[in-house]
Amino acid sequence: MKISWKRVFASLHDAIMAGAAMTFAVAARYGSLEAAPDPKRLALWSGDLEEVVARLSRGGVQIDAFIVAAPEGQKLSLQEFAQTAARLRLPLRRVAPGPLTSGAPSLEDITLEDLLGHPPVALDLQGIRGLATDRRVLVTGAGGGIGSEIVRQVSSFGPRSLALVDNSEYALYEIGQRVATEAPHLSRRAIIADVRDRERIARVVHEEEPAIVFHAAALKYVPLVEANACEGVLTNVVGTRNVADAAVANGADAVVMNLTDKAIKPSSVMGATKRVAETYCQALDFSGMHTCFITVRVGNVLDSNGSVVPLFKRQIGAGGPVTVTHRETKRFFMTIREATELVLQAAANGAARQDQRGRIFVLDMGEPVRIVDLAHTMIALAGLRPEENVRTVVTGLRTGEKLFEELFDKDERTKPSGADGVFVAMARFADLQVLRCAISEMDERALHGRSEAIRAALAEFVPSCRARARWKRLERQGTGRLPCGRSSQYGLAGLGAHPLPDRRVS
């Protein structure tokens, strides 16, 4: 039966107007609560929604939906309501903010951002402004999810100039139009360039002379990178090297690199490529050169390119089914705005403490979320019943996919960064010259399409990748030796890796 939300809520209007301090309301099938307990007694049960539903059911009232309401000025914590609605397979709505009138109040959707958003952090706005104000800034991957939000926020801080770099003409056009609308007087340049083209990137950085480089260009979708290992290495490893080296050669003050939690104990090509990129930037930072490298790990970002959220929205809109790879898969989530704010927070902190090199900044992503719970919540938010109106089906883990991600490696020492919402990881570092040799060899193999050799090299570089059966087979065949003649048995130690010492670089 299609729910008439206006009719259902109208039956609750008098109870809410009477001032019951309810943080939720339960709507019955025919828009009437005559068989339910007195609304003021209902408020006493607000600590256990499932018990409320059970009591009403015993009283002969079949629950059709949850409507969340609160007295004016009171903020709601919606996560518990959404989880309960998903468990009970009930739709969920909330009363639109504003004073109640004599008519039935309007209802509005609850968004994922409402549910998965994190508590506000105290941003170091002065430090963030100092990072960008009156300075030349360059952003790679400027048209992507994180990249475009970095552009939007940085443009509000009044940089001297802003260079937007992307290899997608349409994405570059879109973000260029947005900047033109929001910051019409900002000096900007939209540049079509691929980070994999070393000479092109070197020319762009030389012409722009940026003080700050935000490197957000990457291939991030695990199954596609798994199937296109050479392209993953060329973009994520070689492209990062190209941007980093160009920034150093042209005297940039700082390079801010966005990384992923999939770089921790990676089981995929994408994760392994990002771990190599992270290690290279950390080695550059610890080498003591002028350019400061600020490496930031981020979990999954809602509605970013490659996120599961747009896929679920399309599947729900089509009536299902919603596909999940495993019922126990968990991921860290953060909104694009939150992630970008904390990336800027980490960048400002890192740039202000250049005597402390080799650090990796890790965003506080909160608690991981089960993907199947996310699917059920999105179905409930769409006003539908999970597993009744829209089913979820399990498709099986894909190659390279893990049940859960981690933000820190077991060998890393962690501590607060001094910036709200950001932690610091002190990891092992690798010999820079050996790294350069290894990446050059990967570059050559990738350019010649030697995907199996690329997988073998990544397996040698990142020890956790050796757990993959196919890569183990390559090792047994003797095709997995590191470039530069380094032994494979030491993993990162084969690249001259050492524990990060407790010392500072002046």
Protein backbone atom coordinates (compact mmCIF):
# COMPACT_ATOMS: atom_id res chain seq x y z
CA MET A 1 0.00 0.00 0.00
CA LYS A 2 1.31 3.42 -0.89
CA ILE A 3 1.73 5.58 2.21
CA SER A 4 -0.09 8.91 2.33
CA TRP A 5 2.47 10.77 4.41
CA LYS A 6 0.32 13.87 4.75
CA ARG A 7 -2.61 11.85 6.05
CA VAL A 8 -0.44 9.74 8.38
CA PHE A 9 1.24 12.75 9.91
CA ALA A 10 -1.95 14.74 10.30
CA SER A 11 -3.11 12.21 12.87
CA LEU A 12 0.00 12.97 14.96
CA HIS A 13 -0.26 16.72 14.71
CA ASP A 14 -2.34 17.32 17.84
CA ALA A 15 -0.04 15.17 19.98
CA ILE A 16 3.06 17.11 18.88
CA MET A 17 1.29 20.44 19.26
CA ALA A 18 0.44 19.42 22.83
CA GLY A 19 4.15 19.60 23.59
CA ALA A 20 5.00 15.95 24.12
CA ALA A 21 8.81 15.88 24.35
CA MET A 22 9.04 13.19 21.73
CA THR A 23 12.13 12.63 19.69
CA PHE A 24 10.19 10.31 17.39
CA ALA A 25 6.65 9.41 16.37
CA VAL A 26 5.21 6.16 15.10
CA ALA A 27 2.62 6.24 12.32
CA ALA A 28 -0.02 3.52 11.92
CA ARG A 29 -1.27 2.07 8.66
CA TYR A 30 -4.41 4.13 8.25
CA GLY A 31 -3.09 7.37 9.68
CA SER A 32 -4.69 6.86 13.08
CA LEU A 33 -3.22 6.22 16.52
CA GLU A 34 -6.57 5.72 18.29
CA ALA A 35 -5.61 2.17 19.30
CA ALA A 36 -2.17 3.27 20.48
CA PRO A 37 -1.21 4.40 23.99
CA ASP A 38 -1.55 8.04 24.92
CA PRO A 39 1.10 10.10 23.03
CA LYS A 40 2.57 11.42 26.28
CA ARG A 41 3.12 7.84 27.45
CA LEU A 42 4.67 7.10 24.08
CA ALA A 43 7.41 9.62 24.92
CA LEU A 44 8.43 7.51 27.91
CA TRP A 45 9.37 4.70 25.57
CA SER A 46 11.56 6.77 23.28
CA GLY A 47 14.72 4.99 24.44
CA ASP A 48 13.74 1.74 22.68
CA LEU A 49 11.99 2.10 19.36
CA GLU A 50 11.71 -1.62 18.78
CA GLU A 51 9.89 -2.02 22.11
CA VAL A 52 7.46 0.72 21.07
CA VAL A 53 6.72 -1.12 17.85
CA ALA A 54 6.27 -4.40 19.72
CA ARG A 55 3.86 -2.84 22.25
CA LEU A 56 1.77 -1.20 19.55
CA SER A 57 1.70 -4.44 17.62
CA ARG A 58 0.41 -6.27 20.71
CA GLY A 59 -2.27 -3.58 20.95
CA GLY A 60 -3.41 -4.36 17.41
CA VAL A 61 -1.74 -1.38 15.72
CA GLN A 62 0.38 -2.37 12.71
CA ILE A 63 3.22 0.09 12.18
CA ASP A 64 3.65 1.50 8.73
CA ALA A 65 6.46 4.04 9.10
CA PHE A 66 8.63 6.12 11.42
CA ILE A 67 8.37 9.88 11.50
CA VAL A 68 11.04 11.70 13.50
CA ALA A 69 10.11 14.95 15.24
CA ALA A 70 11.50 17.11 18.03
CA PRO A 71 10.62 20.34 19.84
CA GLU A 72 11.82 23.45 18.02
CA GLY A 73 15.50 24.15 18.57
CA GLN A 74 16.35 20.60 19.65
CA LYS A 75 18.87 18.74 17.48
CA LEU A 76 18.23 15.11 16.67
CA SER A 77 20.72 12.27 16.51
CA LEU A 78 19.27 10.30 13.64
CA GLN A 79 21.64 7.33 13.40
CA GLU A 80 19.78 5.20 15.95
CA PHE A 81 16.41 5.90 14.34
CA ALA A 82 17.73 5.00 10.90
CA GLN A 83 19.34 1.76 12.12
CA THR A 84 16.12 0.73 13.86
CA ALA A 85 13.99 1.61 10.84
CA ALA A 86 16.27 -0.47 8.64
CA ARG A 87 16.19 -3.43 11.05
CA LEU A 88 12.38 -3.30 11.25
CA ARG A 89 12.16 -2.67 7.50
CA LEU A 90 10.18 0.54 7.92
CA PRO A 91 10.39 3.80 5.94
CA LEU A 92 11.71 6.87 7.74
CA ARG A 93 10.96 10.60 7.42
CA ARG A 94 11.33 13.64 9.65
CA VAL A 95 9.36 16.79 10.33
CA ALA A 96 10.77 19.76 8.43
CA PRO A 97 12.39 22.33 10.75
CA GLY A 98 10.31 25.32 11.72
CA PRO A 99 7.40 26.20 14.03
CA LEU A 100 4.29 24.03 13.89
CA THR A 101 1.13 25.69 12.59
CA SER A 102 -2.51 24.74 12.63
CA GLY A 103 -2.05 22.68 9.48
CA ALA A 104 -0.25 19.36 9.17
CA PRO A 105 3.51 20.03 9.20
CA SER A 106 5.48 19.09 6.12
CA LEU A 107 7.84 16.14 6.02
CA GLU A 108 11.28 15.96 4.46
CA ASP A 109 13.79 13.30 3.54
CA ILE A 110 16.64 12.34 5.84
CA THR A 111 19.86 12.27 3.85
CA LEU A 112 22.91 10.06 4.21
CA GLU A 113 24.87 13.15 5.14
CA ASP A 114 22.50 13.59 8.09
CA LEU A 115 23.22 10.04 9.21
CA LEU A 116 26.88 9.53 8.42
CA GLY A 117 28.11 13.05 9.10
CA HIS A 118 30.59 13.30 11.94
CA PRO A 119 30.46 15.67 14.90
CA PRO A 120 31.79 19.11 13.92
CA VAL A 121 35.50 19.64 14.52
CA ALA A 122 37.19 22.88 15.48
CA LEU A 123 38.80 23.92 12.21
CA ASP A 124 41.98 25.96 12.26
CA LEU A 125 40.54 28.51 9.85
CA GLN A 126 43.43 30.91 10.32
CA GLY A 127 45.92 28.18 9.46
CA ILE A 128 43.87 27.01 6.47
CA ARG A 129 43.55 30.55 5.14
CA GLY A 130 47.27 31.04 5.59
CA LEU A 131 47.86 27.97 3.46
CA ALA A 132 46.07 29.42 0.43
CA THR A 133 45.46 33.17 0.80
CA ASP A 134 47.46 35.25 -1.70
CA ARG A 135 49.39 32.17 -2.83
CA ARG A 136 49.58 30.36 -6.13
CA VAL A 137 47.72 27.02 -5.87
CA LEU A 138 47.55 24.07 -8.28
CA VAL A 139 45.09 21.18 -7.99
CA THR A 140 45.42 17.93 -9.96
CA GLY A 141 42.27 15.87 -10.46
CA ALA A 142 40.46 19.18 -10.09
CA GLY A 143 37.26 17.85 -11.67
CA GLY A 144 36.93 14.79 -9.42
CA GLY A 145 34.90 14.42 -6.23
CA ILE A 146 37.53 15.44 -3.69
CA GLY A 147 39.47 17.57 -6.16
CA SER A 148 36.48 19.74 -7.07
CA GLU A 149 35.61 20.28 -3.39
CA ILE A 150 39.21 21.28 -2.66
CA VAL A 151 38.95 23.78 -5.52
CA ARG A 152 35.67 25.15 -4.18
CA GLN A 153 36.96 25.61 -0.64
CA VAL A 154 40.40 26.92 -1.60
CA SER A 155 38.88 29.45 -4.01
CA SER A 156 36.96 30.96 -1.07
CA PHE A 157 40.23 31.77 0.72
CA GLY A 158 41.44 34.21 -1.94
CA PRO A 159 44.48 32.55 -3.55
CA ARG A 160 46.60 34.71 -5.84
CA SER A 161 45.91 32.24 -8.66
CA LEU A 162 44.36 28.81 -9.04
CA ALA A 163 45.44 26.26 -11.66
CA LEU A 164 42.92 23.47 -12.34
CA VAL A 165 44.51 20.36 -13.86
CA ASP A 166 42.52 17.38 -15.13
CA ASN A 167 42.62 15.00 -18.09
CA SER A 168 38.81 15.04 -18.44
CA GLU A 169 37.64 17.90 -20.64
CA TYR A 170 34.07 17.79 -19.30
CA ALA A 171 35.07 17.56 -15.64
CA LEU A 172 37.46 20.46 -16.12
CA TYR A 173 34.77 22.52 -17.85
CA GLU A 174 32.30 21.84 -15.02
CA ILE A 175 34.62 22.86 -12.20
CA GLY A 176 35.83 25.86 -14.22
CA GLN A 177 32.24 27.08 -14.58
CA ARG A 178 31.62 26.60 -10.90
CA VAL A 179 34.67 28.65 -9.93
CA ALA A 180 33.71 31.34 -12.43
CA THR A 181 30.31 31.63 -10.73
CA GLU A 182 31.45 31.45 -7.11
CA ALA A 183 34.72 33.40 -7.40
CA PRO A 184 34.44 35.48 -10.58
CA HIS A 185 37.42 37.70 -9.80
CA LEU A 186 39.81 34.87 -9.03
CA SER A 187 42.72 34.47 -11.44
CA ARG A 188 42.38 30.90 -12.69
CA ARG A 189 43.51 28.64 -15.48
CA ALA A 190 41.94 25.35 -16.61
CA ILE A 191 44.62 22.98 -17.93
CA ILE A 192 44.00 19.71 -19.74
CA ALA A 193 46.90 17.49 -18.73
CA ASP A 194 47.51 13.90 -17.70
CA VAL A 195 49.69 13.38 -14.62
CA ARG A 196 51.18 10.35 -16.39
CA ASP A 197 52.84 12.66 -18.95
CA ARG A 198 56.06 13.61 -17.16
CA GLU A 199 57.14 16.34 -19.58
CA ARG A 200 53.68 17.93 -19.76
CA ILE A 201 53.35 18.05 -15.97
CA ALA A 202 56.85 19.49 -15.64
CA ARG A 203 55.94 22.29 -18.07
CA VAL A 204 52.63 23.04 -16.35
CA VAL A 205 54.19 23.28 -12.90
CA HIS A 206 57.06 25.38 -14.25
CA GLU A 207 54.63 27.82 -15.88
CA GLU A 208 52.29 28.06 -12.88
CA GLU A 209 54.99 28.19 -10.18
CA PRO A 210 52.58 27.02 -7.45
CA ALA A 211 53.44 27.46 -3.80
CA ILE A 212 50.91 24.76 -2.86
CA VAL A 213 50.04 21.66 -4.90
CA PHE A 214 47.00 19.52 -4.05
CA HIS A 215 47.42 16.16 -5.76
CA ALA A 216 43.99 14.49 -6.06
CA ALA A 217 44.32 12.82 -9.47
CA ALA A 218 44.04 9.04 -9.15
CA LEU A 219 42.35 5.88 -10.37
CA LYS A 220 40.31 4.71 -7.38
CA TYR A 221 37.76 2.08 -8.42
CA VAL A 222 39.17 -1.24 -7.17
CA PRO A 223 37.68 -3.65 -9.77
CA LEU A 224 38.68 -1.46 -12.73
CA VAL A 225 42.22 -0.92 -11.50
CA GLU A 226 42.45 -4.66 -10.76
CA ALA A 227 41.57 -5.37 -14.39
CA ASN A 228 43.87 -2.60 -15.68
CA ALA A 229 46.96 -2.92 -13.50
CA CYS A 230 49.30 -1.10 -15.87
CA GLU A 231 46.99 1.93 -16.03
CA GLY A 232 46.73 1.92 -12.25
CA VAL A 233 50.51 2.06 -11.89
CA LEU A 234 50.90 4.74 -14.55
CA THR A 235 48.36 7.05 -12.89
CA ASN A 236 48.72 6.32 -9.19
CA VAL A 237 52.45 5.61 -8.94
CA VAL A 238 54.12 7.23 -11.94
CA GLY A 239 51.69 10.16 -11.96
CA THR A 240 52.36 10.86 -8.29
CA ARG A 241 56.11 10.72 -8.91
CA ASN A 242 55.75 13.15 -11.83
CA VAL A 243 53.75 15.68 -9.83
CA ALA A 244 56.01 15.38 -6.77
CA ASP A 245 59.24 15.72 -8.74
CA ALA A 246 57.89 18.71 -10.70
CA ALA A 247 56.87 20.43 -7.47
CA VAL A 248 60.33 19.89 -5.98
CA ALA A 249 62.09 21.07 -9.13
CA ASN A 250 60.11 24.31 -9.14
CA GLY A 251 60.44 25.10 -5.45
CA ALA A 252 56.86 24.52 -4.28
CA ASP A 253 56.46 25.02 -0.55
CA ALA A 254 54.13 22.05 -0.05
CA VAL A 255 52.49 19.13 -1.84
CA VAL A 256 49.29 17.78 -0.27
CA MET A 257 48.57 14.24 -1.40
CA ASN A 258 45.22 12.50 -0.91
CA LEU A 259 45.54 8.78 -0.21
CA THR A 260 43.20 5.98 0.80
CA ASP A 261 42.76 3.54 3.65
CA LYS A 262 43.02 0.82 1.00
CA ALA A 263 46.78 1.45 1.08
CA ILE A 264 46.91 -0.27 4.49
CA LYS A 265 47.61 -4.01 4.12
CA PRO A 266 46.47 -3.76 0.51
CA SER A 267 45.00 -6.80 -1.20
CA SER A 268 44.24 -4.98 -4.46
CA VAL A 269 46.30 -3.41 -7.21
CA MET A 270 44.71 -0.05 -6.44
CA GLY A 271 45.63 -0.24 -2.77
CA ALA A 272 49.16 -1.36 -3.56
CA THR A 273 49.71 1.49 -6.04
CA LYS A 274 48.55 4.01 -3.46
CA ARG A 275 50.89 2.48 -0.87
CA VAL A 276 53.83 2.89 -3.25
CA ALA A 277 52.81 6.51 -3.88
CA GLU A 278 52.50 7.14 -0.14
CA THR A 279 55.95 5.65 0.50
CA TYR A 280 57.52 7.77 -2.24
CA CYS A 281 56.08 11.02 -0.90
CA GLN A 282 57.10 10.13 2.62
CA ALA A 283 60.65 9.39 1.49
CA LEU A 284 60.80 12.74 -0.33
CA ASP A 285 59.51 14.52 2.75
CA PHE A 286 62.05 12.89 5.01
CA SER A 287 64.92 13.70 2.64
CA GLY A 288 64.98 17.25 4.02
CA MET A 289 64.42 19.15 0.75
CA HIS A 290 62.58 22.50 0.74
CA THR A 291 59.23 21.12 -0.44
CA CYS A 292 57.12 19.70 2.39
CA PHE A 293 55.04 16.62 1.53
CA ILE A 294 51.77 16.34 3.46
CA THR A 295 50.27 12.90 2.98
CA VAL A 296 46.63 12.46 4.06
CA ARG A 297 44.76 9.14 4.32
CA VAL A 298 41.01 9.26 3.72
CA GLY A 299 38.36 6.52 3.87
CA ASN A 300 35.37 6.27 1.52
CA VAL A 301 33.83 9.59 0.58
CA LEU A 302 30.07 9.76 0.05
CA ASP A 303 28.97 10.50 -3.52
CA SER A 304 32.56 10.76 -4.78
CA ASN A 305 33.52 9.14 -8.07
CA GLY A 306 33.51 5.37 -7.57
CA SER A 307 31.55 5.51 -4.31
CA VAL A 308 28.95 2.81 -3.68
CA VAL A 309 26.32 5.43 -2.81
CA PRO A 310 25.47 6.59 -6.37
CA LEU A 311 25.19 2.92 -7.41
CA PHE A 312 22.77 2.17 -4.58
CA LYS A 313 20.70 5.25 -5.48
CA ARG A 314 20.36 4.06 -9.07
CA GLN A 315 19.47 0.53 -8.01
CA ILE A 316 16.86 1.71 -5.51
CA GLY A 317 15.40 4.09 -8.10
CA ALA A 318 15.05 1.16 -10.49
CA GLY A 319 13.21 -0.91 -7.86
CA GLY A 320 16.21 -3.06 -6.95
CA PRO A 321 17.82 -5.32 -6.27
CA VAL A 322 20.63 -3.56 -4.41
CA THR A 323 23.88 -5.49 -4.79
CA VAL A 324 26.35 -5.99 -1.92
CA THR A 325 29.44 -8.15 -2.19
CA HIS A 326 29.26 -9.60 1.34
CA ARG A 327 26.93 -9.12 4.31
CA GLU A 328 29.84 -8.41 6.68
CA THR A 329 31.73 -5.90 4.52
CA LYS A 330 32.48 -2.70 6.44
CA ARG A 331 33.86 0.65 5.30
CA PHE A 332 34.73 4.03 6.79
CA PHE A 333 32.61 6.86 5.38
CA MET A 334 32.79 10.65 5.39
CA THR A 335 31.04 13.36 3.39
CA ILE A 336 33.01 15.16 0.69
CA ARG A 337 32.77 18.43 2.60
CA GLU A 338 33.99 16.87 5.86
CA ALA A 339 36.85 15.03 4.16
CA THR A 340 38.00 18.15 2.34
CA GLU A 341 37.87 20.29 5.47
CA LEU A 342 40.02 17.78 7.32
CA VAL A 343 42.43 17.46 4.38
CA LEU A 344 42.89 21.24 4.55
CA GLN A 345 43.18 21.01 8.34
CA ALA A 346 45.95 18.41 8.01
CA ALA A 347 47.67 20.44 5.29
CA ALA A 348 47.71 23.56 7.45
CA ASN A 349 49.07 21.58 10.38
CA GLY A 350 51.77 19.94 8.29
CA ALA A 351 52.83 23.16 6.60
CA ALA A 352 53.14 24.88 9.99
CA ARG A 353 55.44 22.17 11.37
CA GLN A 354 58.04 21.65 8.70
CA ASP A 355 60.59 20.65 11.31
CA GLN A 356 58.62 17.40 11.74
CA ARG A 357 59.01 15.46 8.52
CA GLY A 358 57.91 12.05 7.31
CA ARG A 359 54.52 12.11 9.01
CA ILE A 360 51.32 10.71 7.50
CA PHE A 361 48.08 12.42 8.48
CA VAL A 362 45.07 10.15 9.02
CA LEU A 363 41.56 11.56 9.22
CA ASP A 364 39.33 10.53 12.12
CA MET A 365 36.72 8.60 10.12
CA GLY A 366 34.63 7.51 13.09
CA GLU A 367 33.27 3.97 13.21
CA PRO A 368 33.06 1.73 10.12
CA VAL A 369 29.64 1.05 8.61
CA ARG A 370 28.38 -2.32 7.34
CA ILE A 371 27.61 -1.94 3.64
CA VAL A 372 24.42 -4.01 3.90
CA ASP A 373 23.23 -1.72 6.71
CA LEU A 374 24.00 1.27 4.49
CA ALA A 375 21.89 -0.31 1.73
CA HIS A 376 18.97 -0.95 4.10
CA THR A 377 19.21 2.60 5.45
CA MET A 378 19.15 4.09 1.95
CA ILE A 379 16.10 1.99 1.09
CA ALA A 380 14.32 3.16 4.25
CA LEU A 381 15.25 6.78 3.50
CA ALA A 382 13.64 6.37 0.08
CA GLY A 383 10.33 5.59 1.85
CA LEU A 384 10.53 1.89 1.03
CA ARG A 385 10.75 -1.31 3.05
CA PRO A 386 14.14 -3.08 2.89
CA GLU A 387 13.84 -6.67 1.60
CA GLU A 388 10.13 -6.15 0.91
CA ASN A 389 9.88 -3.31 -1.61
CA VAL A 390 13.58 -3.51 -2.53
CA ARG A 391 15.72 -6.60 -2.02
CA THR A 392 19.46 -6.80 -1.39
CA VAL A 393 21.44 -9.58 -3.06
CA VAL A 394 24.95 -10.78 -2.25
CA THR A 395 27.20 -11.03 -5.31
CA GLY A 396 30.43 -12.22 -3.63
CA LEU A 397 33.68 -10.40 -2.89
CA ARG A 398 35.46 -9.14 -5.99
CA THR A 399 39.12 -9.75 -6.71
CA GLY A 400 41.22 -7.57 -4.44
CA GLU A 401 38.31 -6.59 -2.19
CA LYS A 402 38.56 -6.90 1.61
CA LEU A 403 35.86 -7.36 4.24
CA PHE A 404 37.10 -4.33 6.16
CA GLU A 405 39.62 -1.53 5.79
CA GLU A 406 42.09 -0.18 8.33
CA LEU A 407 43.39 3.34 8.87
CA PHE A 408 46.73 2.38 10.41
CA ASP A 409 49.33 -0.27 9.74
CA LYS A 410 50.33 -2.44 12.71
CA ASP A 411 53.94 -1.18 12.42
CA GLU A 412 52.97 2.49 12.59
CA ARG A 413 53.20 4.58 15.71
CA THR A 414 50.18 6.85 16.08
CA LYS A 415 49.61 10.01 18.04
CA PRO A 416 47.38 13.10 17.95
CA SER A 417 48.43 15.71 15.41
CA GLY A 418 47.40 18.72 17.46
CA ALA A 419 44.65 19.41 14.90
CA ASP A 420 41.09 18.39 15.72
CA GLY A 421 39.89 15.40 13.69
CA VAL A 422 43.36 14.41 12.46
CA PHE A 423 45.87 11.82 13.70
CA VAL A 424 49.51 11.27 12.78
CA ALA A 425 51.06 7.98 11.75
CA MET A 426 54.82 7.53 11.96
CA ALA A 427 55.69 4.75 9.53
CA ARG A 428 58.74 3.11 8.07
CA PHE A 429 60.48 4.98 5.31
CA ALA A 430 62.28 3.67 2.25
CA ASP A 431 65.52 4.61 0.54
CA LEU A 432 64.65 7.35 -1.94
CA GLN A 433 67.12 6.37 -4.66
CA VAL A 434 66.05 2.72 -4.59
CA LEU A 435 62.42 3.85 -4.73
CA ARG A 436 63.13 5.98 -7.78
CA CYS A 437 64.77 3.03 -9.47
CA ALA A 438 61.83 0.76 -8.63
CA ILE A 439 59.23 3.25 -9.89
CA SER A 440 61.16 3.80 -13.15
CA GLU A 441 61.16 0.06 -13.68
CA MET A 442 57.41 -0.11 -12.98
CA ASP A 443 56.92 2.74 -15.46
CA GLU A 444 58.73 0.83 -18.18
CA ARG A 445 56.83 -2.39 -17.50
CA ALA A 446 53.47 -0.59 -17.48
CA LEU A 447 54.18 1.28 -20.71
CA HIS A 448 54.86 -2.07 -22.39
CA GLY A 449 51.63 -3.57 -21.02
CA ARG A 450 53.37 -6.16 -18.85
CA SER A 451 50.55 -6.47 -16.35
CA GLU A 452 51.74 -9.74 -14.76
CA ALA A 453 55.19 -8.26 -14.18
CA ILE A 454 53.52 -5.18 -12.66
CA ARG A 455 51.52 -7.35 -10.26
CA ALA A 456 54.67 -9.20 -9.31
CA ALA A 457 56.55 -5.96 -8.65
CA LEU A 458 53.72 -4.61 -6.51
CA ALA A 459 53.60 -7.90 -4.59
CA GLU A 460 57.30 -7.56 -3.86
CA PHE A 461 56.97 -3.95 -2.78
CA VAL A 462 53.96 -4.41 -0.51
CA PRO A 463 54.30 -7.57 1.61
CA SER A 464 50.56 -7.96 2.31
CA CYS A 465 49.91 -8.38 -1.40
CA ARG A 466 51.77 -11.67 -1.39
CA ALA A 467 48.73 -13.27 0.21
CA ARG A 468 47.08 -13.16 -3.17
CA ALA A 469 47.21 -16.61 -4.75
CA ARG A 470 48.02 -15.40 -8.24
CA TRP A 471 50.88 -13.26 -7.03
CA LYS A 472 52.23 -16.16 -4.98
CA ARG A 473 52.24 -18.22 -8.15
CA LEU A 474 54.28 -15.54 -9.89
CA GLU A 475 56.79 -15.63 -7.06
CA ARG A 476 57.20 -19.39 -7.42
CA GLN A 477 57.79 -18.91 -11.14
CA GLY A 478 60.58 -16.48 -10.35
CA THR A 479 59.01 -13.55 -12.21
CA GLY A 480 58.49 -11.43 -9.14
CA ARG A 481 61.93 -10.05 -8.47
CA LEU A 482 62.33 -6.43 -7.60
CA PRO A 483 64.06 -4.05 -9.96
CA CYS A 484 67.60 -2.96 -9.03
CA GLY A 485 68.42 -6.55 -8.01
CA ARG A 486 66.98 -6.23 -4.50
CA SER A 487 65.99 -9.38 -2.64
CA SER A 488 62.27 -10.14 -2.48
CA GLN A 489 62.27 -11.80 0.92
CA TYR A 490 62.37 -8.57 2.91
CA GLY A 491 59.33 -6.78 1.46
CA LEU A 492 59.74 -3.07 2.04
CA ALA A 493 63.14 -3.79 3.55
CA GLY A 494 64.16 -4.80 0.04
CA LEU A 495 63.76 -1.14 -0.85
CA GLY A 496 65.94 -0.03 2.02
CA ALA A 497 63.03 0.50 4.41
CA HIS A 498 63.77 1.36 8.02
CA PRO A 499 61.71 2.27 11.07
CA LEU A 500 61.15 6.00 11.17
CA PRO A 501 63.57 7.38 13.77
CA ASP A 502 62.51 9.74 16.50
CA ARG A 503 64.31 12.75 15.15
CA ARG A 504 63.47 15.94 13.37
CA VAL A 505 64.79 17.38 10.16
CA SER A 506 65.96 20.95 10.44
